[in-house]
Amino acid sequence: MTKAYYHLPGLFEFYELYRVFLPIFREHREYFYEWCEIGSVYGAPADCLWGGGRAGFGENDPREVLDLMREYGISARLTFSNSLLKEKHLSDRKCNTLCALFEERNGTQNGVIVHSDLLREYLKKTYPHLYFVSSTTKVLTDFGQLTSEIRREDFCYVVPDFRLNKALDRWETLSQTEKDKVEFLCNECCWFACKDRKACYEAVSRKNLGENGKEHHCAAPDAGQGYRFSNAMQNPGFIGIDAIQNVYLPMGFSNFKIEGRSLGSALILEFLLYYMTKPRYQLHVREEVYLDNMLDLF
């Protein structure tokens, strides 16, 4: 059976949720679709210079986070997708300590999601046992440029801009080796017509570096609503479970990224229910998570 591998948000940000959810996923595998697995969990602690895309806010101990992923055989990914890094930032102690910890060879290989070629080259030399994911923050909307990115040997995975998700005629032209590297962003809620995604990501990168700069103001018609899964489902780039099963898996694609690091754990649970849990068992999973007195979902 062809499997879909989900790459889930909030490695640090939603550690407490995963600490409750992963035992359910292991002990009650019958609750979940047979055709899906967890490929990785990604994220970054608060105040990481190398962070980008979204500001991390996780405060959990990195060793505890990593131990949880190792217990369940899940790859852990550091989201270090800052697009504005300079040579002086490469010596950052906190980020280097995290990379050294995540590089430790003990079971499943861990990775780093990167934007900056400067950072990638540094990590490649300094922490050679980490693998690399090309970040969607590069906003590669030209399919030719994206194909060139997929063919770069340094990257094990490449996350395309979500606006290319439905370019099925072009996706069909890739070889199977190339398809294996593509990681579709499924549940993006951003305005499909947005022309400012790079500026938005750069504003987050500046913030993580502690630099002053022009504040980015989203021009989307419904920007004031924040993220709503119901809206994301109406996005032209949305990839739901029917499309995963009946379109993308048969085409030879198997990697799917779920966004949500900046959201709340209650909404992340809804993603886990929708994408992974059989409808008749969704209440079972929701109850087991909600009734855990150690977990604050709101």
C-alpha atoms as a PDB file:
ATOM      1  CA  MET A   1       0.000   0.000   0.000  1.00  0.00           C
ATOM      2  CA  THR A   2       1.282   3.473  -0.927  1.00  0.00           C
ATOM      3  CA  LYS A   3       1.653   5.639   2.175  1.00  0.00           C
ATOM      4  CA  ALA A   4       1.189   9.342   2.754  1.00  0.00           C
ATOM      5  CA  TYR A   5       3.773  10.812   5.105  1.00  0.00           C
ATOM      6  CA  TYR A   6       2.653  13.881   7.009  1.00  0.00           C
ATOM      7  CA  HIS A   7       5.087  16.509   8.199  1.00  0.00           C
ATOM      8  CA  LEU A   8       3.435  18.098  11.216  1.00  0.00           C
ATOM      9  CA  PRO A   9       3.883  21.540  12.827  1.00  0.00           C
ATOM     10  CA  GLY A  10       4.966  22.505  16.312  1.00  0.00           C
ATOM     11  CA  LEU A  11       7.897  20.352  17.405  1.00  0.00           C
ATOM     12  CA  PHE A  12       8.540  22.699  20.325  1.00  0.00           C
ATOM     13  CA  GLU A  13       5.379  24.763  20.152  1.00  0.00           C
ATOM     14  CA  PHE A  14       2.995  21.806  20.627  1.00  0.00           C
ATOM     15  CA  TYR A  15       5.186  19.346  22.483  1.00  0.00           C
ATOM     16  CA  GLU A  16       2.505  18.823  25.152  1.00  0.00           C
ATOM     17  CA  LEU A  17      -0.098  17.947  22.511  1.00  0.00           C
ATOM     18  CA  TYR A  18       2.187  15.428  20.823  1.00  0.00           C
ATOM     19  CA  ARG A  19       3.102  13.940  24.201  1.00  0.00           C
ATOM     20  CA  VAL A  20      -0.585  13.013  24.519  1.00  0.00           C
ATOM     21  CA  PHE A  21      -1.379  12.304  20.864  1.00  0.00           C
ATOM     22  CA  LEU A  22       1.527  10.028  19.924  1.00  0.00           C
ATOM     23  CA  PRO A  23       0.677   7.295  22.476  1.00  0.00           C
ATOM     24  CA  ILE A  24      -2.883   7.263  21.094  1.00  0.00           C
ATOM     25  CA  PHE A  25      -1.526   6.982  17.556  1.00  0.00           C
ATOM     26  CA  ARG A  26       0.635   4.010  18.558  1.00  0.00           C
ATOM     27  CA  GLU A  27      -1.746   2.181  20.892  1.00  0.00           C
ATOM     28  CA  HIS A  28      -4.920   2.693  18.860  1.00  0.00           C
ATOM     29  CA  ARG A  29      -3.645   2.482  15.311  1.00  0.00           C
ATOM     30  CA  GLU A  30      -7.106   1.268  14.272  1.00  0.00           C
ATOM     31  CA  TYR A  31      -8.397   4.816  14.890  1.00  0.00           C
ATOM     32  CA  PHE A  32      -6.275   6.157  12.049  1.00  0.00           C
ATOM     33  CA  TYR A  33      -6.106   5.721   8.286  1.00  0.00           C
ATOM     34  CA  GLU A  34      -3.925   2.783   7.288  1.00  0.00           C
ATOM     35  CA  TRP A  35      -2.492   4.788   4.391  1.00  0.00           C
ATOM     36  CA  CYS A  36      -0.885   7.539   6.497  1.00  0.00           C
ATOM     37  CA  GLU A  37       2.166   7.851   8.722  1.00  0.00           C
ATOM     38  CA  ILE A  38       3.999  10.690  10.472  1.00  0.00           C
ATOM     39  CA  GLY A  39       7.095  11.586   8.466  1.00  0.00           C
ATOM     40  CA  SER A  40       8.395  14.330  10.733  1.00  0.00           C
ATOM     41  CA  VAL A  41       7.483  17.064  13.187  1.00  0.00           C
ATOM     42  CA  TYR A  42       9.040  20.481  12.609  1.00  0.00           C
ATOM     43  CA  GLY A  43       9.466  23.695  14.558  1.00  0.00           C
ATOM     44  CA  ALA A  44      11.819  25.946  16.491  1.00  0.00           C
ATOM     45  CA  PRO A  45      12.065  27.243  20.054  1.00  0.00           C
ATOM     46  CA  ALA A  46      11.403  30.858  20.868  1.00  0.00           C
ATOM     47  CA  ASP A  47      14.102  33.445  20.120  1.00  0.00           C
ATOM     48  CA  CYS A  48      16.095  31.557  17.485  1.00  0.00           C
ATOM     49  CA  LEU A  49      18.093  33.887  15.237  1.00  0.00           C
ATOM     50  CA  TRP A  50      17.988  31.378  12.418  1.00  0.00           C
ATOM     51  CA  GLY A  51      14.222  31.005  12.649  1.00  0.00           C
ATOM     52  CA  GLY A  52      11.950  32.160   9.852  1.00  0.00           C
ATOM     53  CA  GLY A  53       8.595  31.634   8.214  1.00  0.00           C
ATOM     54  CA  ARG A  54       6.766  31.982  11.518  1.00  0.00           C
ATOM     55  CA  ALA A  55       8.042  33.091  14.894  1.00  0.00           C
ATOM     56  CA  GLY A  56       8.648  30.110  17.171  1.00  0.00           C
ATOM     57  CA  PHE A  57       7.277  30.227  20.689  1.00  0.00           C
ATOM     58  CA  GLY A  58       8.087  26.810  22.153  1.00  0.00           C
ATOM     59  CA  GLU A  59       9.720  26.780  25.565  1.00  0.00           C
ATOM     60  CA  ASN A  60      10.147  23.030  26.137  1.00  0.00           C
ATOM     61  CA  ASP A  61      13.525  21.503  26.804  1.00  0.00           C
ATOM     62  CA  PRO A  62      15.084  20.431  23.467  1.00  0.00           C
ATOM     63  CA  ARG A  63      16.345  17.160  24.945  1.00  0.00           C
ATOM     64  CA  GLU A  64      12.841  16.229  26.100  1.00  0.00           C
ATOM     65  CA  VAL A  65      11.437  17.135  22.684  1.00  0.00           C
ATOM     66  CA  LEU A  66      14.034  15.043  20.913  1.00  0.00           C
ATOM     67  CA  ASP A  67      13.571  12.111  23.296  1.00  0.00           C
ATOM     68  CA  LEU A  68       9.827  12.088  22.513  1.00  0.00           C
ATOM     69  CA  MET A  69      10.469  11.953  18.776  1.00  0.00           C
ATOM     70  CA  ARG A  70      13.043   9.203  19.197  1.00  0.00           C
ATOM     71  CA  GLU A  71      10.665   7.152  21.325  1.00  0.00           C
ATOM     72  CA  TYR A  72       8.217   7.085  18.413  1.00  0.00           C
ATOM     73  CA  GLY A  73      10.785   6.863  15.620  1.00  0.00           C
ATOM     74  CA  ILE A  74       9.844  10.240  14.147  1.00  0.00           C
ATOM     75  CA  SER A  75      12.266  12.578  12.402  1.00  0.00           C
ATOM     76  CA  ALA A  76      12.594  15.981  14.082  1.00  0.00           C
ATOM     77  CA  ARG A  77      13.194  19.048  11.939  1.00  0.00           C
ATOM     78  CA  LEU A  78      14.494  22.442  13.001  1.00  0.00           C
ATOM     79  CA  THR A  79      12.797  25.276  11.120  1.00  0.00           C
ATOM     80  CA  PHE A  80      15.730  27.565  10.421  1.00  0.00           C
ATOM     81  CA  SER A  81      14.332  29.296   7.346  1.00  0.00           C
ATOM     82  CA  ASN A  82      15.522  32.838   8.036  1.00  0.00           C
ATOM     83  CA  SER A  83      16.130  34.471   4.643  1.00  0.00           C
ATOM     84  CA  LEU A  84      18.289  37.403   5.832  1.00  0.00           C
ATOM     85  CA  LEU A  85      21.192  35.684   7.593  1.00  0.00           C
ATOM     86  CA  LYS A  86      24.723  37.078   7.359  1.00  0.00           C
ATOM     87  CA  GLU A  87      28.086  35.530   8.201  1.00  0.00           C
ATOM     88  CA  LYS A  88      28.041  37.080  11.682  1.00  0.00           C
ATOM     89  CA  HIS A  89      24.854  35.175  12.551  1.00  0.00           C
ATOM     90  CA  LEU A  90      26.340  31.729  11.916  1.00  0.00           C
ATOM     91  CA  SER A  91      28.110  31.641  15.290  1.00  0.00           C
ATOM     92  CA  ASP A  92      24.860  31.942  17.239  1.00  0.00           C
ATOM     93  CA  ARG A  93      25.312  29.724  20.272  1.00  0.00           C
ATOM     94  CA  LYS A  94      21.700  28.658  20.797  1.00  0.00           C
ATOM     95  CA  CYS A  95      21.146  27.545  17.195  1.00  0.00           C
ATOM     96  CA  ASN A  96      24.467  25.721  17.001  1.00  0.00           C
ATOM     97  CA  THR A  97      23.736  23.895  20.253  1.00  0.00           C
ATOM     98  CA  LEU A  98      20.386  22.758  18.844  1.00  0.00           C
ATOM     99  CA  CYS A  99      21.995  21.504  15.634  1.00  0.00           C
ATOM    100  CA  ALA A 100      24.646  19.599  17.568  1.00  0.00           C
ATOM    101  CA  LEU A 101      21.936  17.953  19.674  1.00  0.00           C
ATOM    102  CA  PHE A 102      19.758  17.068  16.696  1.00  0.00           C
ATOM    103  CA  GLU A 103      22.713  15.656  14.792  1.00  0.00           C
ATOM    104  CA  GLU A 104      23.361  12.983  17.412  1.00  0.00           C
ATOM    105  CA  ARG A 105      23.069   9.626  15.659  1.00  0.00           C
ATOM    106  CA  ASN A 106      20.549   7.643  17.624  1.00  0.00           C
ATOM    107  CA  GLY A 107      17.910   6.094  15.405  1.00  0.00           C
ATOM    108  CA  THR A 108      15.950   8.311  13.022  1.00  0.00           C
ATOM    109  CA  GLN A 109      17.861  11.016  11.155  1.00  0.00           C
ATOM    110  CA  ASN A 110      16.855  14.601  11.885  1.00  0.00           C
ATOM    111  CA  GLY A 111      16.823  17.555   9.523  1.00  0.00           C
ATOM    112  CA  VAL A 112      16.780  21.305   9.067  1.00  0.00           C
ATOM    113  CA  ILE A 113      14.400  23.384   6.970  1.00  0.00           C
ATOM    114  CA  VAL A 114      16.477  26.148   5.358  1.00  0.00           C
ATOM    115  CA  HIS A 115      16.110  29.142   3.100  1.00  0.00           C
ATOM    116  CA  SER A 116      19.594  30.661   3.222  1.00  0.00           C
ATOM    117  CA  ASP A 117      22.303  29.071   1.060  1.00  0.00           C
ATOM    118  CA  LEU A 118      24.838  30.612   3.442  1.00  0.00           C
ATOM    119  CA  LEU A 119      23.330  28.691   6.352  1.00  0.00           C
ATOM    120  CA  ARG A 120      22.974  25.497   4.320  1.00  0.00           C
ATOM    121  CA  GLU A 121      26.668  25.523   3.387  1.00  0.00           C
ATOM    122  CA  TYR A 122      27.651  26.173   7.006  1.00  0.00           C
ATOM    123  CA  LEU A 123      25.451  23.378   8.339  1.00  0.00           C
ATOM    124  CA  LYS A 124      26.601  20.970   5.652  1.00  0.00           C
ATOM    125  CA  LYS A 125      30.209  21.373   6.814  1.00  0.00           C
ATOM    126  CA  THR A 126      29.561  21.664  10.547  1.00  0.00           C
ATOM    127  CA  TYR A 127      26.737  19.146  11.086  1.00  0.00           C
ATOM    128  CA  PRO A 128      27.039  16.670   8.197  1.00  0.00           C
ATOM    129  CA  HIS A 129      24.551  14.142   9.590  1.00  0.00           C
ATOM    130  CA  LEU A 130      21.545  16.462   9.315  1.00  0.00           C
ATOM    131  CA  TYR A 131      19.442  16.425   6.147  1.00  0.00           C
ATOM    132  CA  PHE A 132      18.057  19.525   4.430  1.00  0.00           C
ATOM    133  CA  VAL A 133      14.576  20.630   3.385  1.00  0.00           C
ATOM    134  CA  SER A 134      14.204  23.568   0.995  1.00  0.00           C
ATOM    135  CA  SER A 135      11.730  25.977   2.582  1.00  0.00           C
ATOM    136  CA  THR A 136       8.526  27.193   0.971  1.00  0.00           C
ATOM    137  CA  THR A 137       9.613  30.681   2.100  1.00  0.00           C
ATOM    138  CA  LYS A 138      11.670  30.837  -1.118  1.00  0.00           C
ATOM    139  CA  VAL A 139       8.311  31.392  -2.879  1.00  0.00           C
ATOM    140  CA  LEU A 140       9.309  29.539  -6.042  1.00  0.00           C
ATOM    141  CA  THR A 141       6.209  30.036  -8.176  1.00  0.00           C
ATOM    142  CA  ASP A 142       7.946  29.374 -11.499  1.00  0.00           C
ATOM    143  CA  PHE A 143       7.830  25.645 -12.193  1.00  0.00           C
ATOM    144  CA  GLY A 144      11.163  25.663 -14.009  1.00  0.00           C
ATOM    145  CA  GLN A 145      12.903  27.233 -11.019  1.00  0.00           C
ATOM    146  CA  LEU A 146      11.174  24.787  -8.721  1.00  0.00           C
ATOM    147  CA  THR A 147      12.307  21.819 -10.808  1.00  0.00           C
ATOM    148  CA  SER A 148      15.897  23.068 -10.604  1.00  0.00           C
ATOM    149  CA  GLU A 149      15.503  23.293  -6.817  1.00  0.00           C
ATOM    150  CA  ILE A 150      14.180  19.727  -6.637  1.00  0.00           C
ATOM    151  CA  ARG A 151      17.193  18.515  -8.622  1.00  0.00           C
ATOM    152  CA  ARG A 152      19.708  20.046  -6.190  1.00  0.00           C
ATOM    153  CA  GLU A 153      21.454  17.155  -4.473  1.00  0.00           C
ATOM    154  CA  ASP A 154      21.711  18.921  -1.120  1.00  0.00           C
ATOM    155  CA  PHE A 155      17.970  18.730  -0.549  1.00  0.00           C
ATOM    156  CA  CYS A 156      16.122  15.590   0.520  1.00  0.00           C
ATOM    157  CA  TYR A 157      12.801  17.454   0.307  1.00  0.00           C
ATOM    158  CA  VAL A 158      11.524  20.628  -1.324  1.00  0.00           C
ATOM    159  CA  VAL A 159       8.317  22.387  -0.231  1.00  0.00           C
ATOM    160  CA  PRO A 160       6.778  24.185  -3.242  1.00  0.00           C
ATOM    161  CA  ASP A 161       4.743  27.352  -3.052  1.00  0.00           C
ATOM    162  CA  PHE A 162       1.157  26.264  -2.422  1.00  0.00           C
ATOM    163  CA  ARG A 163      -0.032  27.999  -5.600  1.00  0.00           C
ATOM    164  CA  LEU A 164       1.628  25.270  -7.666  1.00  0.00           C
ATOM    165  CA  ASN A 165      -0.230  22.484  -5.831  1.00  0.00           C
ATOM    166  CA  LYS A 166      -2.811  21.968  -8.563  1.00  0.00           C
ATOM    167  CA  ALA A 167      -0.428  22.174 -11.550  1.00  0.00           C
ATOM    168  CA  LEU A 168      -0.994  18.442 -12.083  1.00  0.00           C
ATOM    169  CA  ASP A 169       0.034  18.379 -15.737  1.00  0.00           C
ATOM    170  CA  ARG A 170       3.455  19.734 -14.793  1.00  0.00           C
ATOM    171  CA  TRP A 171       3.831  17.536 -11.712  1.00  0.00           C
ATOM    172  CA  GLU A 172       3.302  14.514 -13.974  1.00  0.00           C
ATOM    173  CA  THR A 173       6.483  15.391 -15.886  1.00  0.00           C
ATOM    174  CA  LEU A 174       8.761  14.695 -12.901  1.00  0.00           C
ATOM    175  CA  SER A 175      10.650  11.445 -12.493  1.00  0.00           C
ATOM    176  CA  GLN A 176       9.779   9.234  -9.520  1.00  0.00           C
ATOM    177  CA  THR A 177      13.012  10.242  -7.791  1.00  0.00           C
ATOM    178  CA  GLU A 178      11.996  13.889  -8.149  1.00  0.00           C
ATOM    179  CA  LYS A 179       8.432  13.202  -6.981  1.00  0.00           C
ATOM    180  CA  ASP A 180       9.814  11.560  -3.842  1.00  0.00           C
ATOM    181  CA  LYS A 181      11.425  14.885  -2.876  1.00  0.00           C
ATOM    182  CA  VAL A 182       8.279  17.015  -3.245  1.00  0.00           C
ATOM    183  CA  GLU A 183       6.485  17.930  -0.023  1.00  0.00           C
ATOM    184  CA  PHE A 184       3.163  19.624  -0.711  1.00  0.00           C
ATOM    185  CA  LEU A 185       1.908  22.304   1.692  1.00  0.00           C
ATOM    186  CA  CYS A 186      -1.705  21.196   2.142  1.00  0.00           C
ATOM    187  CA  ASN A 187      -3.607  23.641   4.325  1.00  0.00           C
ATOM    188  CA  GLU A 188      -2.274  27.100   3.530  1.00  0.00           C
ATOM    189  CA  CYS A 189      -4.818  29.806   4.329  1.00  0.00           C
ATOM    190  CA  CYS A 190      -3.002  32.743   2.745  1.00  0.00           C
ATOM    191  CA  TRP A 191      -4.652  34.658  -0.047  1.00  0.00           C
ATOM    192  CA  PHE A 192      -4.071  32.797  -3.314  1.00  0.00           C
ATOM    193  CA  ALA A 193      -3.530  36.074  -5.184  1.00  0.00           C
ATOM    194  CA  CYS A 194      -0.981  37.427  -2.689  1.00  0.00           C
ATOM    195  CA  LYS A 195       2.060  39.099  -4.243  1.00  0.00           C
ATOM    196  CA  ASP A 196       3.770  39.900  -0.926  1.00  0.00           C
ATOM    197  CA  ARG A 197       4.693  36.489   0.491  1.00  0.00           C
ATOM    198  CA  LYS A 198       8.435  37.169   0.256  1.00  0.00           C
ATOM    199  CA  ALA A 199       8.017  40.502   2.036  1.00  0.00           C
ATOM    200  CA  CYS A 200       5.923  38.802   4.711  1.00  0.00           C
ATOM    201  CA  TYR A 201       8.568  36.133   5.330  1.00  0.00           C
ATOM    202  CA  GLU A 202      11.351  38.727   5.343  1.00  0.00           C
ATOM    203  CA  ALA A 203       9.518  40.721   8.008  1.00  0.00           C
ATOM    204  CA  VAL A 204       9.475  37.610  10.235  1.00  0.00           C
ATOM    205  CA  SER A 205      13.174  37.017   9.500  1.00  0.00           C
ATOM    206  CA  ARG A 206      14.030  40.577  10.550  1.00  0.00           C
ATOM    207  CA  LYS A 207      11.994  40.165  13.722  1.00  0.00           C
ATOM    208  CA  ASN A 208      13.862  36.971  14.629  1.00  0.00           C
ATOM    209  CA  LEU A 209      17.158  38.794  14.082  1.00  0.00           C
ATOM    210  CA  GLY A 210      16.015  41.624  16.338  1.00  0.00           C
ATOM    211  CA  GLU A 211      16.383  44.153  13.527  1.00  0.00           C
ATOM    212  CA  ASN A 212      14.168  47.131  12.851  1.00  0.00           C
ATOM    213  CA  GLY A 213      12.478  47.353   9.512  1.00  0.00           C
ATOM    214  CA  LYS A 214       9.270  48.017   7.692  1.00  0.00           C
ATOM    215  CA  GLU A 215       6.346  46.211   9.288  1.00  0.00           C
ATOM    216  CA  HIS A 216       4.458  44.013   6.864  1.00  0.00           C
ATOM    217  CA  HIS A 217       0.715  44.568   6.686  1.00  0.00           C
ATOM    218  CA  CYS A 218      -1.232  41.786   5.019  1.00  0.00           C
ATOM    219  CA  ALA A 219      -3.407  43.012   2.139  1.00  0.00           C
ATOM    220  CA  ALA A 220      -5.606  39.912   1.966  1.00  0.00           C
ATOM    221  CA  PRO A 221      -9.344  40.705   1.932  1.00  0.00           C
ATOM    222  CA  ASP A 222      -9.992  38.619   5.060  1.00  0.00           C
ATOM    223  CA  ALA A 223      -6.685  39.252   6.840  1.00  0.00           C
ATOM    224  CA  GLY A 224      -8.424  40.349  10.027  1.00  0.00           C
ATOM    225  CA  GLN A 225      -9.998  36.931  10.577  1.00  0.00           C
ATOM    226  CA  GLY A 226      -6.757  35.098  11.190  1.00  0.00           C
ATOM    227  CA  TYR A 227      -6.368  31.440  10.283  1.00  0.00           C
ATOM    228  CA  ARG A 228      -9.576  29.462   9.843  1.00  0.00           C
ATOM    229  CA  PHE A 229      -9.445  25.862   8.663  1.00  0.00           C
ATOM    230  CA  SER A 230     -12.831  26.290   6.996  1.00  0.00           C
ATOM    231  CA  ASN A 231     -11.358  29.101   4.891  1.00  0.00           C
ATOM    232  CA  ALA A 232      -8.232  27.100   4.108  1.00  0.00           C
ATOM    233  CA  MET A 233     -10.446  24.345   2.725  1.00  0.00           C
ATOM    234  CA  GLN A 234     -11.838  26.844   0.195  1.00  0.00           C
ATOM    235  CA  ASN A 235      -8.369  27.939  -0.924  1.00  0.00           C
ATOM    236  CA  PRO A 236      -7.647  26.947  -4.553  1.00  0.00           C
ATOM    237  CA  GLY A 237      -4.381  25.375  -3.386  1.00  0.00           C
ATOM    238  CA  PHE A 238      -5.936  23.268  -0.618  1.00  0.00           C
ATOM    239  CA  ILE A 239      -5.123  19.553  -0.643  1.00  0.00           C
ATOM    240  CA  GLY A 240      -7.641  17.460   1.306  1.00  0.00           C
ATOM    241  CA  ILE A 241      -7.660  13.771   2.127  1.00  0.00           C
ATOM    242  CA  ASP A 242      -9.690  12.829  -0.954  1.00  0.00           C
ATOM    243  CA  ALA A 243      -7.118  14.481  -3.210  1.00  0.00           C
ATOM    244  CA  ILE A 244      -4.246  12.866  -1.315  1.00  0.00           C
ATOM    245  CA  GLN A 245      -5.773   9.402  -1.706  1.00  0.00           C
ATOM    246  CA  ASN A 246      -7.178   9.686  -5.215  1.00  0.00           C
ATOM    247  CA  VAL A 247      -4.881  12.145  -6.988  1.00  0.00           C
ATOM    248  CA  TYR A 248      -1.471  12.642  -5.405  1.00  0.00           C
ATOM    249  CA  LEU A 249      -0.704   9.137  -4.106  1.00  0.00           C
ATOM    250  CA  PRO A 250      -1.634   7.494  -7.448  1.00  0.00           C
ATOM    251  CA  MET A 251       0.595  10.058  -9.206  1.00  0.00           C
ATOM    252  CA  GLY A 252       3.547   8.930  -7.076  1.00  0.00           C
ATOM    253  CA  PHE A 253       3.693  11.699  -4.435  1.00  0.00           C
ATOM    254  CA  SER A 254       3.864  10.749  -0.780  1.00  0.00           C
ATOM    255  CA  ASN A 255       4.936  13.765   1.306  1.00  0.00           C
ATOM    256  CA  PHE A 256       2.481  16.315   2.665  1.00  0.00           C
ATOM    257  CA  LYS A 257       3.193  19.223   4.996  1.00  0.00           C
ATOM    258  CA  ILE A 258       0.627  20.599   7.432  1.00  0.00           C
ATOM    259  CA  GLU A 259       1.189  24.215   8.450  1.00  0.00           C
ATOM    260  CA  GLY A 260       0.232  25.688  11.797  1.00  0.00           C
ATOM    261  CA  ARG A 261       3.194  26.529  14.068  1.00  0.00           C
ATOM    262  CA  SER A 262       1.717  29.921  14.956  1.00  0.00           C
ATOM    263  CA  LEU A 263      -1.757  28.562  15.728  1.00  0.00           C
ATOM    264  CA  GLY A 264      -3.223  27.039  18.887  1.00  0.00           C
ATOM    265  CA  SER A 265      -3.012  23.390  19.874  1.00  0.00           C
ATOM    266  CA  ALA A 266      -6.791  22.957  19.627  1.00  0.00           C
ATOM    267  CA  LEU A 267      -6.606  23.802  15.915  1.00  0.00           C
ATOM    268  CA  ILE A 268      -3.607  21.505  15.419  1.00  0.00           C
ATOM    269  CA  LEU A 269      -5.723  18.725  16.899  1.00  0.00           C
ATOM    270  CA  GLU A 270      -8.379  19.454  14.264  1.00  0.00           C
ATOM    271  CA  PHE A 271      -5.719  18.971  11.568  1.00  0.00           C
ATOM    272  CA  LEU A 272      -4.699  15.654  13.118  1.00  0.00           C
ATOM    273  CA  LEU A 273      -8.332  14.558  13.199  1.00  0.00           C
ATOM    274  CA  TYR A 274      -9.111  15.599   9.634  1.00  0.00           C
ATOM    275  CA  TYR A 275      -5.940  14.354   7.930  1.00  0.00           C
ATOM    276  CA  MET A 276      -5.191  11.230   9.948  1.00  0.00           C
ATOM    277  CA  THR A 277      -8.201   9.996  11.905  1.00  0.00           C
ATOM    278  CA  LYS A 278     -11.075   7.882  10.600  1.00  0.00           C
ATOM    279  CA  PRO A 279     -14.343   9.826  11.043  1.00  0.00           C
ATOM    280  CA  ARG A 280     -15.938   7.223  13.337  1.00  0.00           C
ATOM    281  CA  TYR A 281     -12.993   7.503  15.739  1.00  0.00           C
ATOM    282  CA  GLN A 282     -12.503  11.272  15.739  1.00  0.00           C
ATOM    283  CA  LEU A 283     -14.592  11.717  18.873  1.00  0.00           C
ATOM    284  CA  HIS A 284     -12.562   8.979  20.615  1.00  0.00           C
ATOM    285  CA  VAL A 285      -9.310  10.806  19.876  1.00  0.00           C
ATOM    286  CA  ARG A 286     -10.743  14.214  20.738  1.00  0.00           C
ATOM    287  CA  GLU A 287     -12.026  12.941  24.093  1.00  0.00           C
ATOM    288  CA  GLU A 288      -8.758  11.224  25.003  1.00  0.00           C
ATOM    289  CA  VAL A 289      -6.822  14.408  24.280  1.00  0.00           C
ATOM    290  CA  TYR A 290      -9.278  16.833  25.881  1.00  0.00           C
ATOM    291  CA  LEU A 291      -9.634  14.723  29.022  1.00  0.00           C
ATOM    292  CA  ASP A 292      -5.889  14.719  29.664  1.00  0.00           C
ATOM    293  CA  ASN A 293      -5.720  17.057  32.654  1.00  0.00           C
ATOM    294  CA  MET A 294      -2.119  17.954  31.939  1.00  0.00           C
ATOM    295  CA  LEU A 295      -2.932  19.498  28.556  1.00  0.00           C
ATOM    296  CA  ASP A 296      -4.219  23.040  28.107  1.00  0.00           C
ATOM    297  CA  LEU A 297      -5.574  23.276  24.573  1.00  0.00           C
ATOM    298  CA  PHE A 298      -6.741  26.872  24.658  1.00  0.00           C
END
